[in-house]
Protein backbone atom coordinates (compact mmCIF):
# COMPACT_ATOMS: atom_id res chain seq x y z
CA MET A 1 175.13 98.78 -79.86
CA ALA A 2 176.09 102.42 -79.01
CA SER A 3 176.36 105.32 -81.55
CA THR A 4 179.52 105.80 -83.68
CA SER A 5 179.85 108.88 -81.47
CA GLU A 6 180.01 107.15 -78.22
CA VAL A 7 183.40 105.13 -79.71
CA PRO A 8 186.53 106.97 -79.06
CA TYR A 9 188.03 107.50 -82.98
CA PRO A 10 191.74 105.69 -82.75
CA ASP A 11 195.10 107.44 -82.71
CA LEU A 12 194.33 110.33 -83.66
CA SER A 13 197.07 112.11 -82.21
CA SER A 14 198.89 110.23 -85.14
CA VAL A 15 196.53 111.00 -88.23
CA ALA A 16 197.68 114.62 -89.54
CA ASP A 17 201.38 113.69 -88.97
CA GLY A 18 200.76 110.66 -90.83
CA VAL A 19 198.82 112.27 -93.88
CA ALA A 20 201.90 115.00 -94.27
CA ALA A 21 204.65 112.66 -94.01
CA ALA A 22 203.22 110.80 -96.98
CA VAL A 23 203.14 113.47 -99.25
CA THR A 24 206.54 114.82 -98.46
CA ALA A 25 207.99 111.34 -98.27
CA ALA A 26 206.96 111.46 -101.82
CA SER A 27 207.22 115.09 -102.93
CA PRO A 28 210.09 117.08 -100.04
CA ARG A 29 209.32 120.29 -99.24
CA THR A 30 206.09 120.01 -99.72
CA SER A 31 203.88 122.43 -97.28
CA VAL A 32 200.39 120.85 -96.24
CA GLY A 33 197.24 121.92 -94.66
CA PHE A 34 194.69 119.77 -93.58
CA VAL A 35 191.30 118.57 -92.00
CA LEU A 36 189.06 115.74 -91.45
CA TYR A 37 185.57 116.27 -90.05
CA ASP A 38 183.35 114.04 -89.10
CA ARG A 39 180.23 115.29 -90.05
CA GLU A 40 177.92 112.31 -88.57
CA SER A 41 179.80 113.13 -84.93
CA GLY A 42 180.46 116.96 -85.48
CA LYS A 43 184.00 116.25 -84.15
CA GLU A 44 187.17 117.83 -85.74
CA LEU A 45 189.60 114.29 -86.09
CA ALA A 46 192.68 115.69 -86.94
CA SER A 47 194.56 119.12 -88.43
CA LEU A 48 197.53 120.21 -89.25
CA GLY A 49 198.43 123.78 -90.73
CA ALA A 50 194.39 124.65 -90.92
CA ASP A 51 194.29 128.18 -90.79
CA GLU A 52 197.45 128.62 -93.00
CA PRO A 53 196.81 130.51 -96.78
CA TYR A 54 197.18 128.69 -100.15
CA TYR A 55 196.14 129.62 -103.20
CA THR A 56 192.82 127.92 -103.93
CA ALA A 57 193.70 127.21 -107.66
CA SER A 58 190.04 125.49 -108.80
CA VAL A 59 188.90 125.30 -105.26
CA VAL A 60 187.47 128.78 -105.63
CA LYS A 61 184.64 127.94 -107.85
CA LEU A 62 183.00 127.13 -104.46
CA LEU A 63 182.89 130.37 -103.59
CA ILE A 64 181.57 130.86 -107.91
CA ALA A 65 178.81 128.76 -107.51
CA ILE A 66 177.82 129.60 -103.94
CA ASP A 67 177.93 133.05 -104.90
CA GLU A 68 175.92 132.81 -108.09
CA VAL A 69 173.22 130.87 -106.57
CA ARG A 70 172.50 133.82 -103.64
CA ASP A 71 171.45 137.49 -103.99
CA ASP A 72 173.26 139.82 -102.36
CA THR A 73 171.12 142.28 -101.54
CA THR A 74 167.76 140.50 -100.81
CA GLY A 75 169.78 136.69 -98.96
CA ALA A 76 167.44 135.20 -100.72
CA TRP A 77 168.28 131.24 -102.89
CA ALA A 78 167.64 130.84 -105.97
CA LEU A 79 168.65 128.21 -108.51
CA PRO A 80 169.20 130.40 -112.65
CA ASP A 81 167.87 129.63 -115.78
CA ALA A 82 168.42 126.17 -116.98
CA ASP A 83 171.38 127.66 -119.18
CA ALA A 84 173.11 128.82 -115.96
CA VAL A 85 172.41 125.81 -114.34
CA GLU A 86 174.05 123.62 -117.08
CA ASP A 87 177.57 126.30 -116.70
CA LEU A 88 177.79 125.72 -112.92
CA THR A 89 177.47 121.77 -113.96
CA ASP A 90 180.09 122.19 -116.04
CA MET A 91 181.96 124.33 -114.07
CA LEU A 92 182.20 121.70 -111.15
CA GLU A 93 181.73 118.62 -112.80
CA GLY A 94 184.81 119.34 -115.59
CA SER A 95 186.59 121.94 -113.72
CA ASN A 96 185.67 124.53 -117.21
CA ASP A 97 187.93 127.18 -116.26
CA ALA A 98 186.25 129.34 -119.37
CA ILE A 99 182.83 129.47 -117.54
CA ALA A 100 184.40 130.30 -114.05
CA SER A 101 185.92 133.04 -115.48
CA ALA A 102 182.22 134.06 -117.22
CA PHE A 103 181.08 133.67 -113.81
CA TRP A 104 184.02 135.79 -112.41
CA GLU A 105 183.51 138.34 -114.65
CA ARG A 106 180.10 138.73 -114.49
CA ASN A 107 179.87 138.57 -111.04
CA GLY A 108 182.45 140.95 -109.68
CA GLY A 109 185.19 139.17 -109.64
CA ASN A 110 186.89 139.98 -106.15
CA ALA A 111 183.92 140.54 -104.58
CA ILE A 112 182.98 137.56 -105.29
CA VAL A 113 185.19 136.36 -102.57
CA THR A 114 184.70 139.02 -100.22
CA ARG A 115 181.55 138.89 -99.95
CA THR A 116 181.62 134.67 -99.87
CA ALA A 117 184.07 135.19 -96.95
CA ALA A 118 182.73 137.65 -94.95
CA LEU A 119 178.43 135.70 -95.91
CA LEU A 120 180.78 132.25 -94.55
CA GLY A 121 182.63 133.46 -92.14
CA LEU A 122 186.26 132.03 -93.66
CA ALA A 123 188.81 134.13 -91.36
CA HIS A 124 191.58 132.84 -94.10
CA THR A 125 189.98 133.51 -97.63
CA THR A 126 191.30 136.81 -99.57
CA PRO A 127 190.68 137.58 -102.97
CA PRO A 128 193.91 137.33 -105.60
CA ALA A 129 196.60 140.29 -106.45
CA ASP A 130 195.48 140.17 -109.78
CA PRO A 131 192.11 140.11 -110.57
CA THR A 132 192.05 138.65 -113.53
CA GLN A 133 193.31 135.50 -112.07
CA TRP A 134 190.72 133.67 -109.65
CA GLY A 135 193.22 131.12 -109.17
CA MET A 136 195.15 133.13 -107.63
CA ALA A 137 192.66 133.26 -104.44
CA LYS A 138 194.15 132.10 -100.81
CA THR A 139 192.32 129.99 -98.88
CA SER A 140 193.31 127.83 -95.29
CA ALA A 141 191.80 124.09 -94.80
CA GLY A 142 189.88 124.99 -91.84
CA ASP A 143 188.37 127.52 -93.85
CA VAL A 144 187.46 124.79 -96.97
CA LEU A 145 186.09 122.83 -94.19
CA ALA A 146 183.68 125.70 -93.29
CA ILE A 147 182.33 126.03 -97.64
CA TYR A 148 181.15 122.20 -97.12
CA GLN A 149 179.92 122.63 -94.02
CA TYR A 150 177.51 125.38 -95.46
CA LEU A 151 176.84 123.73 -98.62
CA GLU A 152 175.34 120.86 -96.55
CA ASP A 153 173.70 122.68 -93.39
CA THR A 154 173.18 126.01 -94.47
CA VAL A 155 172.26 126.49 -98.51
CA PRO A 156 168.87 125.49 -98.79
CA ASP A 157 168.67 121.29 -100.25
CA GLU A 158 166.90 122.32 -103.78
CA ILE A 159 169.36 124.84 -104.50
CA ALA A 160 172.52 122.89 -102.95
CA GLN A 161 171.74 119.42 -104.48
CA PRO A 162 172.70 120.60 -108.11
CA ILE A 163 176.14 121.88 -107.23
CA LEU A 164 176.50 118.60 -104.48
CA THR A 165 175.29 116.86 -107.00
CA ALA A 166 178.17 117.73 -109.75
CA LEU A 167 180.43 117.54 -107.43
CA GLY A 168 179.61 113.97 -107.29
CA ASN A 169 179.94 113.46 -110.70
CA ALA A 170 183.41 114.98 -110.97
CA ARG A 171 184.47 113.83 -114.81
CA ASN A 172 188.34 112.21 -115.64
CA PRO A 173 190.05 114.20 -117.26
CA ALA A 174 189.21 117.99 -115.96
CA ASP A 175 187.91 119.87 -119.06
CA ASP A 176 191.54 120.72 -119.49
CA GLY A 177 192.81 117.42 -119.96
CA TRP A 178 194.03 117.52 -116.48
CA ASP A 179 193.41 113.68 -114.74
CA GLN A 180 191.69 115.47 -111.58
CA TYR A 181 191.45 111.65 -110.07
CA PHE A 182 194.30 112.05 -107.87
CA GLY A 183 194.03 112.59 -103.48
CA ILE A 184 190.11 111.49 -102.80
CA PRO A 185 189.20 109.83 -106.02
CA ASP A 186 191.93 107.71 -106.33
CA GLY A 187 193.11 107.38 -102.49
CA LEU A 188 189.61 106.47 -101.49
CA SER A 189 188.89 104.62 -104.31
CA GLY A 190 186.08 102.06 -102.58
CA MET A 191 183.98 105.24 -100.91
CA SER A 192 181.78 107.53 -102.50
CA TRP A 193 182.84 111.17 -103.40
CA GLN A 194 181.76 114.82 -103.50
CA VAL A 195 185.17 116.85 -104.34
CA LYS A 196 186.37 119.69 -105.97
CA GLN A 197 190.26 119.45 -106.78
CA GLY A 198 192.43 122.55 -107.71
CA TRP A 199 195.82 122.56 -109.50
CA MET A 200 197.69 124.51 -110.55
CA ILE A 201 201.28 125.05 -112.11
CA LEU A 202 203.34 127.88 -111.44
CA ARG A 203 206.97 129.38 -111.58
CA SER A 204 208.61 128.24 -108.45
CA SER A 205 205.72 125.49 -107.12
CA LEU A 206 203.31 123.34 -107.73
CA VAL A 207 199.84 123.80 -106.48
CA LEU A 208 197.74 120.57 -105.86
CA ASN A 209 194.26 120.28 -103.36
CA THR A 210 192.31 117.55 -102.62
CA THR A 211 188.77 118.58 -101.05
CA GLY A 212 185.02 116.40 -100.73
CA VAL A 213 183.34 115.48 -98.34
CA VAL A 214 183.60 111.59 -98.54
CA GLY A 215 181.05 108.67 -98.28
CA GLY A 216 178.73 111.60 -97.26
CA ARG A 217 179.95 111.53 -94.12
CA TYR A 218 183.53 112.83 -93.41
CA VAL A 219 185.08 116.45 -94.95
CA VAL A 220 188.09 115.79 -96.59
CA VAL A 221 190.68 118.41 -97.22
CA LEU A 222 194.30 118.91 -98.52
CA LEU A 223 195.88 121.47 -99.69
CA THR A 224 199.68 121.03 -100.59
CA ARG A 225 202.14 123.68 -102.01
CA GLN A 226 204.82 121.07 -103.36
CA PRO A 227 208.37 122.46 -105.35
CA PRO A 228 208.39 122.41 -109.05
CA VAL A 229 208.03 118.73 -109.77
CA SER A 230 206.48 117.09 -112.62
CA SER A 231 202.25 116.70 -112.01
CA ALA A 232 202.37 113.49 -112.43
CA LYS A 233 205.06 112.70 -108.92
CA GLY A 234 202.75 115.86 -107.05
CA ARG A 235 199.62 113.93 -107.94
CA ALA A 236 200.69 110.71 -106.76
CA ALA A 237 202.44 112.62 -103.45
CA VAL A 238 198.82 113.75 -102.47
CA THR A 239 197.24 110.47 -103.16
CA ALA A 240 199.64 108.92 -100.86
CA GLY A 241 198.72 111.12 -98.27
CA ILE A 242 194.97 110.76 -98.41
CA LYS A 243 195.09 106.75 -98.54
CA THR A 244 196.42 107.10 -95.21
CA LEU A 245 193.29 107.63 -94.02
CA ALA A 246 191.72 104.55 -95.54
CA PRO A 247 192.12 102.67 -92.70
CA LEU A 248 190.94 105.40 -90.17
CA LEU A 249 187.77 105.74 -91.72
CA ALA A 250 187.28 102.35 -93.19
CA ARG A 251 187.23 101.56 -88.54
CA LEU A 252 185.00 104.48 -87.74
CA ASN A 253 182.21 102.85 -90.65
CA ALA A 254 182.71 99.56 -89.50
CA THR A 255 182.02 100.56 -85.32
């Protein structure tokens, strides 16, 4: 039987447009940054606005976690003590803001983003203008893809595994009470996932991001900047976009 990498992918030209159309149908005037990547074949299957900067919201916690387990002076990788590992786990599973703020302050604030962006080669990731507001760092869908590739392929397994396990155990609601099962968890509910979600309500917009590894194979990144709609409407729009991927992924998995 031919391997998946030898089978032509169906309808790739319409995938990204389909995601964006579903999002904007549910939440008009939404800006979308999107990437779908197949780790098995090493192919980017679809993308749209992948280099455009969006607010990270809690997606920046991926960089906070990577920075915590690497010594910037020596380049050595090591898990911190048990208490700090527990904090990292809670920061990712529950998207805990207080813990993220503690790591942010302790490890240099904006320098965390600067260091990790340089380490990973993230061309479109920048620290926040206000160094106390880590959620207002910016990144792109393409850079978030690179973060997951780095976690999966470069960080030593014994260091990456606790981080990836925490992403696979993202709990709902998040520690701030927010329903974080939008996008990937609800839109691709029949598949396993390791996700980092992001949400932030601004005066003039709603930031909602769903990112992660799906089925151990696909990296899915959907970043959105929506008009100031309700959180429920915004989450539904992101989920609608992700749901359009389900038939494609099912077909690829069956080949």
